[in-house]
């Protein structure tokens, strides 16, 4: 059986699609970001000191104690 050029190109395209999916599934999530986040593991709540990031204030603890507290996380 002789395959013409269009049949060969169709087969090659199918192989590319199948192998592309396998590679994406295999390597999904295996990269390290260049950006550091605030972390995912909670470490402590401590009293606010000038210079701390105000976005990390724990408003629940602050409301109960009437003194600002911040949450700290470990990466």
C-alpha atoms as a PDB file:
ATOM      1  CA  UNK A   1       0.000   0.000   0.000  1.00  0.00           C
ATOM      2  CA  UNK A   2       1.432   3.355  -1.038  1.00  0.00           C
ATOM      3  CA  UNK A   3       0.715   6.460   1.056  1.00  0.00           C
ATOM      4  CA  UNK A   4       0.663   9.849  -0.585  1.00  0.00           C
ATOM      5  CA  UNK A   5       2.080  13.021   0.968  1.00  0.00           C
ATOM      6  CA  UNK A   6      -1.194  14.199   2.534  1.00  0.00           C
ATOM      7  CA  UNK A   7      -1.687  10.848   4.312  1.00  0.00           C
ATOM      8  CA  UNK A   8       1.860  10.962   5.683  1.00  0.00           C
ATOM      9  CA  UNK A   9       1.373  14.531   6.937  1.00  0.00           C
ATOM     10  CA  UNK A  10      -1.870  13.531   8.681  1.00  0.00           C
ATOM     11  CA  UNK A  11      -0.108  10.658  10.455  1.00  0.00           C
ATOM     12  CA  UNK A  12       2.801  12.903  11.492  1.00  0.00           C
ATOM     13  CA  UNK A  13       0.372  15.493  12.874  1.00  0.00           C
ATOM     14  CA  UNK A  14      -1.453  12.809  14.902  1.00  0.00           C
ATOM     15  CA  UNK A  15       1.840  11.618  16.367  1.00  0.00           C
ATOM     16  CA  UNK A  16       2.812  15.220  17.243  1.00  0.00           C
ATOM     17  CA  UNK A  17      -0.490  15.780  19.045  1.00  0.00           C
ATOM     18  CA  UNK A  18      -0.272  12.509  20.993  1.00  0.00           C
ATOM     19  CA  UNK A  19       3.346  12.999  22.065  1.00  0.00           C
ATOM     20  CA  UNK A  20       2.718  16.665  22.927  1.00  0.00           C
ATOM     21  CA  UNK A  21      -0.034  15.652  25.358  1.00  0.00           C
ATOM     22  CA  UNK A  22       2.197  13.027  26.967  1.00  0.00           C
ATOM     23  CA  UNK A  23       5.033  15.504  27.464  1.00  0.00           C
ATOM     24  CA  UNK A  24       2.719  18.137  28.961  1.00  0.00           C
ATOM     25  CA  UNK A  25       1.208  15.611  31.378  1.00  0.00           C
ATOM     26  CA  UNK A  26       4.604  14.271  32.416  1.00  0.00           C
ATOM     27  CA  UNK A  27       6.217  17.639  33.143  1.00  0.00           C
ATOM     28  CA  UNK A  28       3.182  19.492  34.500  1.00  0.00           C
ATOM     29  CA  UNK A  29       4.098  21.309  37.713  1.00  0.00           C
ATOM     30  CA  UNK A  30       7.802  20.454  37.616  1.00  0.00           C
ATOM     31  CA  UNK A  31       9.156  23.975  37.424  1.00  0.00           C
ATOM     32  CA  UNK A  32      10.272  26.463  40.052  1.00  0.00           C
ATOM     33  CA  UNK A  33       8.919  29.966  39.883  1.00  0.00           C
ATOM     34  CA  UNK A  34      11.301  32.894  39.708  1.00  0.00           C
ATOM     35  CA  UNK A  35       8.960  34.798  42.036  1.00  0.00           C
ATOM     36  CA  UNK A  36       8.830  34.248  45.781  1.00  0.00           C
ATOM     37  CA  UNK A  37       5.427  34.231  47.417  1.00  0.00           C
ATOM     38  CA  UNK A  38       4.551  34.740  51.029  1.00  0.00           C
ATOM     39  CA  UNK A  39       4.697  30.994  51.546  1.00  0.00           C
ATOM     40  CA  UNK A  40       2.244  28.271  52.376  1.00  0.00           C
ATOM     41  CA  UNK A  41       3.216  27.084  55.850  1.00  0.00           C
ATOM     42  CA  UNK A  42       1.977  29.159  58.754  1.00  0.00           C
ATOM     43  CA  UNK A  43       4.744  29.921  61.257  1.00  0.00           C
ATOM     44  CA  UNK A  44       3.484  32.359  63.889  1.00  0.00           C
ATOM     45  CA  UNK A  45       1.508  35.447  64.816  1.00  0.00           C
ATOM     46  CA  UNK A  46       3.580  38.198  66.315  1.00  0.00           C
ATOM     47  CA  UNK A  47       3.072  41.799  67.285  1.00  0.00           C
ATOM     48  CA  UNK A  48       3.347  44.350  64.487  1.00  0.00           C
ATOM     49  CA  UNK A  49       6.565  46.362  64.321  1.00  0.00           C
ATOM     50  CA  UNK A  50       7.075  49.401  62.103  1.00  0.00           C
ATOM     51  CA  UNK A  51       8.342  48.299  58.720  1.00  0.00           C
ATOM     52  CA  UNK A  52       6.219  45.138  58.568  1.00  0.00           C
ATOM     53  CA  UNK A  53       4.028  44.687  55.517  1.00  0.00           C
ATOM     54  CA  UNK A  54       0.574  45.976  56.458  1.00  0.00           C
ATOM     55  CA  UNK A  55      -0.991  43.398  54.130  1.00  0.00           C
ATOM     56  CA  UNK A  56       0.082  40.658  56.539  1.00  0.00           C
ATOM     57  CA  UNK A  57      -1.887  42.035  59.499  1.00  0.00           C
ATOM     58  CA  UNK A  58      -4.070  39.393  61.133  1.00  0.00           C
ATOM     59  CA  UNK A  59      -7.252  41.356  61.644  1.00  0.00           C
ATOM     60  CA  UNK A  60      -8.947  38.737  63.841  1.00  0.00           C
ATOM     61  CA  UNK A  61      -6.158  38.716  66.440  1.00  0.00           C
ATOM     62  CA  UNK A  62      -5.791  42.496  66.166  1.00  0.00           C
ATOM     63  CA  UNK A  63      -9.504  42.985  66.889  1.00  0.00           C
ATOM     64  CA  UNK A  64      -9.403  40.722  69.963  1.00  0.00           C
ATOM     65  CA  UNK A  65      -6.272  42.253  71.469  1.00  0.00           C
ATOM     66  CA  UNK A  66      -6.611  45.883  70.304  1.00  0.00           C
ATOM     67  CA  UNK A  67      -2.930  45.675  69.278  1.00  0.00           C
ATOM     68  CA  UNK A  68      -1.878  45.004  65.674  1.00  0.00           C
ATOM     69  CA  UNK A  69      -0.490  41.523  64.977  1.00  0.00           C
ATOM     70  CA  UNK A  70       0.972  40.096  61.765  1.00  0.00           C
ATOM     71  CA  UNK A  71       1.016  36.565  60.404  1.00  0.00           C
ATOM     72  CA  UNK A  72       4.347  35.044  59.437  1.00  0.00           C
ATOM     73  CA  UNK A  73       4.783  32.194  56.956  1.00  0.00           C
ATOM     74  CA  UNK A  74       7.667  29.863  56.055  1.00  0.00           C
ATOM     75  CA  UNK A  75       8.315  29.045  52.415  1.00  0.00           C
END
